[in-house]
Amino acid sequence: MFQVKICGVRLKSDIGAAASAGADAIGLNFFDNSIRFVDPRDDVTKELAAFAEARRIMSVGVFVNASVDEIARIASELGLSAVQLHGNESPSIAAALIDRGLTVIRAIKLPVANLSAGQITQSCQPWHDLGCHLLLDADAGQAHGGSGKCLDWQTIRHWSERQAEDSWTLAGGLSDENVAAAIEISGARSVDTASGVEQPRGTKSPQRIERFVKFSLEAFRQQGRKPH
């Protein structure tokens, strides 16, 4: 999949900064209530996806409660590398997308407090069984992500080790200031951020992107972790 994903990009300069720093994926947010929304029907969005492809980094479309037909159509029109389900979709939606040949990432929205390894397993199992890539994120309610809240990294590590699970991505409140610690504690092999590389909110900072990617890759190397 990917090691470092910069989500919610809206400009070519965002993608350029991510690629130059060494990130291998970007996220295009198609949730129209998000501050990071880009319209998948807009030619500018097509240019963003093509710009990412030209730099050989994955372009992931982030969808919230869209239909199978809509997701498949947009993925085809934009040439997306993967689709990310970040709403209240059922496993049947993911199964239908996989049947159409799409790579599916499922956001597992977890509470930031009172989290148990068993709870993570229960939340992940239906999606894991389908072959979806798992992205563990903090539950942001109706905002569907981008809350800036961090998960319980130690509990996530216990879950991962107990399940012998390595095909997952850590998200939720990650920034250039905490990503190294998050990787060390959680054992993550893949990370995703949106608000953590912004200044002000909704505007990507090239400097913060560079630091986030640098610190992430250094932490992966220190732990001897390779992309999954």
Protein backbone atom coordinates (compact mmCIF):
# COMPACT_ATOMS: atom_id res chain seq x y z
CA MET A 1 0.00 0.00 0.00
CA PHE A 2 1.80 3.16 1.19
CA GLN A 3 4.00 4.34 4.04
CA VAL A 4 3.16 8.04 4.27
CA LYS A 5 -0.08 9.59 3.01
CA ILE A 6 -0.82 13.31 3.02
CA CYS A 7 -4.59 13.59 2.93
CA GLY A 8 -6.85 16.45 1.97
CA VAL A 9 -4.58 18.05 -0.61
CA ARG A 10 -6.15 20.76 -2.76
CA LEU A 11 -3.26 22.24 -4.72
CA LYS A 12 -0.53 20.95 -7.02
CA SER A 13 1.95 22.57 -4.65
CA ASP A 14 0.61 20.33 -1.85
CA ILE A 15 1.30 17.26 -3.96
CA GLY A 16 4.68 18.61 -5.05
CA ALA A 17 5.70 19.14 -1.43
CA ALA A 18 4.54 15.64 -0.48
CA ALA A 19 6.37 14.01 -3.38
CA SER A 20 9.57 16.00 -2.82
CA ALA A 21 9.60 15.01 0.84
CA GLY A 22 9.22 11.32 0.02
CA ALA A 23 5.54 10.64 0.70
CA ASP A 24 4.10 7.89 -1.47
CA ALA A 25 0.36 8.75 -1.35
CA ILE A 26 -2.01 11.70 -1.28
CA GLY A 27 -5.70 11.86 -0.47
CA LEU A 28 -8.36 13.77 -2.40
CA ASN A 29 -11.34 14.52 -0.15
CA PHE A 30 -14.73 14.24 -1.87
CA PHE A 31 -16.83 14.88 1.25
CA ASP A 32 -18.55 18.17 0.45
CA ASN A 33 -18.90 19.23 4.10
CA SER A 34 -15.14 19.08 4.62
CA ILE A 35 -12.86 22.11 4.64
CA ARG A 36 -10.59 20.00 2.39
CA PHE A 37 -13.27 19.22 -0.21
CA VAL A 38 -12.35 19.06 -3.88
CA ASP A 39 -15.05 18.49 -6.48
CA PRO A 40 -14.41 15.23 -8.36
CA ARG A 41 -16.26 16.65 -11.39
CA ASP A 42 -13.93 19.64 -11.64
CA ASP A 43 -11.12 19.62 -14.21
CA VAL A 44 -8.79 20.95 -11.50
CA THR A 45 -9.32 17.75 -9.52
CA LYS A 46 -8.50 15.65 -12.57
CA GLU A 47 -5.29 17.66 -12.90
CA LEU A 48 -4.43 16.94 -9.26
CA ALA A 49 -4.85 13.19 -9.76
CA ALA A 50 -2.77 13.30 -12.94
CA PHE A 51 -0.12 15.40 -11.19
CA ALA A 52 0.18 12.75 -8.46
CA GLU A 53 0.38 9.95 -11.01
CA ALA A 54 3.15 11.75 -12.88
CA ARG A 55 5.13 11.84 -9.66
CA ARG A 56 4.48 8.13 -9.09
CA ILE A 57 2.60 8.52 -5.85
CA MET A 58 -0.78 6.99 -5.09
CA SER A 59 -3.93 9.08 -5.37
CA VAL A 60 -6.63 7.98 -2.94
CA GLY A 61 -10.19 9.22 -3.22
CA VAL A 62 -11.89 9.75 0.15
CA PHE A 63 -15.65 9.11 0.01
CA VAL A 64 -18.39 9.48 2.61
CA ASN A 65 -21.60 7.50 2.05
CA ALA A 66 -21.43 7.64 -1.75
CA SER A 67 -22.99 4.92 -3.91
CA VAL A 68 -21.02 2.09 -5.49
CA ASP A 69 -21.73 3.44 -8.98
CA GLU A 70 -20.61 6.95 -8.07
CA ILE A 71 -17.41 5.76 -6.42
CA ALA A 72 -16.56 3.46 -9.32
CA ARG A 73 -17.26 6.17 -11.88
CA ILE A 74 -15.11 8.78 -10.13
CA ALA A 75 -12.29 6.29 -9.57
CA SER A 76 -12.28 5.47 -13.27
CA GLU A 77 -12.53 9.08 -14.47
CA LEU A 78 -9.71 10.26 -12.21
CA GLY A 79 -7.55 7.14 -12.45
CA LEU A 80 -7.46 6.75 -8.66
CA SER A 81 -5.07 4.23 -7.12
CA ALA A 82 -7.51 3.37 -4.32
CA VAL A 83 -10.79 4.46 -2.77
CA GLN A 84 -11.19 5.18 0.93
CA LEU A 85 -14.55 4.66 2.63
CA HIS A 86 -14.82 7.16 5.48
CA GLY A 87 -18.52 7.25 6.25
CA ASN A 88 -21.12 4.78 7.49
CA GLU A 89 -20.78 2.39 4.56
CA SER A 90 -21.65 -1.28 5.01
CA PRO A 91 -19.25 -4.11 4.17
CA SER A 92 -21.45 -4.90 1.16
CA ILE A 93 -20.40 -1.58 -0.40
CA ALA A 94 -16.73 -2.54 -0.06
CA ALA A 95 -17.42 -6.01 -1.45
CA ALA A 96 -19.12 -4.54 -4.52
CA LEU A 97 -16.21 -2.16 -5.13
CA ILE A 98 -13.68 -4.96 -4.77
CA ASP A 99 -15.71 -7.01 -7.25
CA ARG A 100 -15.23 -4.12 -9.69
CA GLY A 101 -11.48 -4.38 -9.28
CA LEU A 102 -10.97 -1.42 -6.95
CA THR A 103 -8.52 -1.30 -4.05
CA VAL A 104 -10.50 -0.36 -0.95
CA ILE A 105 -9.23 1.35 2.20
CA ARG A 106 -11.67 1.31 5.11
CA ALA A 107 -11.46 3.98 7.81
CA ILE A 108 -12.11 2.35 11.19
CA LYS A 109 -13.30 5.18 13.44
CA LEU A 110 -12.35 4.41 17.02
CA PRO A 111 -12.95 6.21 20.34
CA VAL A 112 -9.98 8.08 21.75
CA ALA A 113 -10.69 6.86 25.29
CA ASN A 114 -11.54 3.50 26.86
CA LEU A 115 -10.28 1.64 23.83
CA SER A 116 -9.55 -2.09 24.02
CA ALA A 117 -7.77 -4.47 21.68
CA GLY A 118 -10.92 -6.57 21.49
CA GLN A 119 -12.95 -3.55 20.43
CA ILE A 120 -10.51 -2.84 17.61
CA THR A 121 -10.71 -6.47 16.46
CA GLN A 122 -14.51 -6.37 16.45
CA SER A 123 -14.57 -3.13 14.46
CA CYS A 124 -11.98 -4.32 11.92
CA GLN A 125 -12.94 -7.95 11.37
CA PRO A 126 -15.66 -7.61 8.69
CA TRP A 127 -13.46 -5.34 6.61
CA HIS A 128 -10.32 -7.42 7.15
CA ASP A 129 -12.19 -10.52 5.98
CA LEU A 130 -13.08 -8.73 2.73
CA GLY A 131 -9.45 -7.82 2.07
CA CYS A 132 -9.78 -4.08 2.72
CA HIS A 133 -6.76 -2.12 3.88
CA LEU A 134 -7.51 -0.80 7.38
CA LEU A 135 -6.99 2.84 8.39
CA LEU A 136 -7.41 3.44 12.13
CA ASP A 137 -8.75 6.94 12.78
CA ALA A 138 -10.23 8.86 15.69
CA ASP A 139 -14.01 9.05 15.64
CA ALA A 140 -14.95 12.60 14.67
CA GLY A 141 -18.71 12.07 14.54
CA GLN A 142 -20.49 13.80 11.68
CA ALA A 143 -17.23 15.50 10.61
CA HIS A 144 -16.00 12.06 9.44
CA GLY A 145 -12.30 12.69 10.14
CA GLY A 146 -9.83 15.53 10.41
CA SER A 147 -10.53 16.06 14.11
CA GLY A 148 -6.89 16.25 15.19
CA LYS A 149 -7.58 13.78 18.02
CA CYS A 150 -5.09 10.99 18.78
CA LEU A 151 -5.86 7.34 19.42
CA ASP A 152 -4.49 5.13 22.21
CA TRP A 153 -1.29 4.01 20.46
CA GLN A 154 -0.31 1.45 23.09
CA THR A 155 -3.64 -0.35 22.83
CA ILE A 156 -3.31 -0.35 19.06
CA ARG A 157 0.08 -2.02 19.41
CA HIS A 158 -1.42 -4.71 21.66
CA TRP A 159 -4.14 -5.34 19.07
CA SER A 160 -1.66 -5.50 16.19
CA GLU A 161 0.67 -7.91 17.98
CA ARG A 162 -2.19 -10.12 19.18
CA GLN A 163 -3.69 -10.35 15.70
CA ALA A 164 -0.32 -10.58 13.92
CA GLU A 165 -1.77 -7.76 11.83
CA ASP A 166 0.51 -5.49 9.80
CA SER A 167 -1.65 -4.32 6.89
CA TRP A 168 -3.03 -1.19 8.50
CA THR A 169 -2.45 2.54 8.65
CA LEU A 170 -2.38 4.79 11.71
CA ALA A 171 -4.24 8.11 11.48
CA GLY A 172 -5.88 10.43 13.98
CA GLY A 173 -4.14 13.57 15.18
CA LEU A 174 -0.73 12.78 13.73
CA SER A 175 1.60 15.71 13.13
CA ASP A 176 5.26 16.45 12.59
CA GLU A 177 5.52 16.87 16.36
CA ASN A 178 4.21 13.44 17.40
CA VAL A 179 4.46 11.06 14.44
CA ALA A 180 7.81 9.56 15.47
CA ALA A 181 6.45 8.70 18.92
CA ALA A 182 3.23 7.38 17.40
CA ILE A 183 5.15 4.98 15.16
CA GLU A 184 7.41 3.82 17.97
CA ILE A 185 4.57 3.17 20.41
CA SER A 186 1.93 1.77 18.03
CA GLY A 187 4.24 -0.23 15.77
CA ALA A 188 2.61 1.31 12.70
CA ARG A 189 4.14 0.66 9.29
CA SER A 190 1.99 3.27 7.58
CA VAL A 191 0.73 6.72 8.62
CA ASP A 192 -1.81 9.25 7.36
CA THR A 193 -2.30 12.91 8.23
CA ALA A 194 -4.46 15.82 7.11
CA SER A 195 -4.80 18.53 9.77
CA GLY A 196 -1.38 17.69 11.23
CA VAL A 197 0.46 19.33 8.32
CA GLU A 198 -1.73 22.41 8.04
CA GLN A 199 -1.15 26.02 9.08
CA PRO A 200 -3.73 27.53 9.26
CA ARG A 201 -6.40 24.81 9.33
CA GLY A 202 -7.32 23.67 5.84
CA THR A 203 -4.12 25.01 4.27
CA LYS A 204 -1.20 22.64 3.82
CA SER A 205 2.21 23.84 5.00
CA PRO A 206 5.14 22.67 2.82
CA GLN A 207 7.45 22.91 5.82
CA ARG A 208 5.19 20.79 8.02
CA ILE A 209 4.74 18.23 5.23
CA GLU A 210 8.52 17.98 4.84
CA ARG A 211 9.03 17.48 8.57
CA PHE A 212 6.17 14.98 8.88
CA VAL A 213 7.50 12.80 6.08
CA LYS A 214 11.10 13.08 7.26
CA PHE A 215 10.28 12.11 10.85
CA SER A 216 7.98 9.29 9.69
CA LEU A 217 10.58 7.71 7.42
CA GLU A 218 13.29 8.06 10.06
CA ALA A 219 11.06 6.33 12.62
CA PHE A 220 10.29 3.51 10.20
CA ARG A 221 14.00 3.02 9.52
CA GLN A 222 14.84 2.98 13.22
CA GLN A 223 12.29 0.25 13.79
CA GLY A 224 13.43 -1.69 10.73
CA ARG A 225 9.99 -1.40 9.20
CA LYS A 226 9.38 -1.72 5.49
CA PRO A 227 6.26 -0.86 3.46
CA HIS A 228 3.55 -3.53 3.66
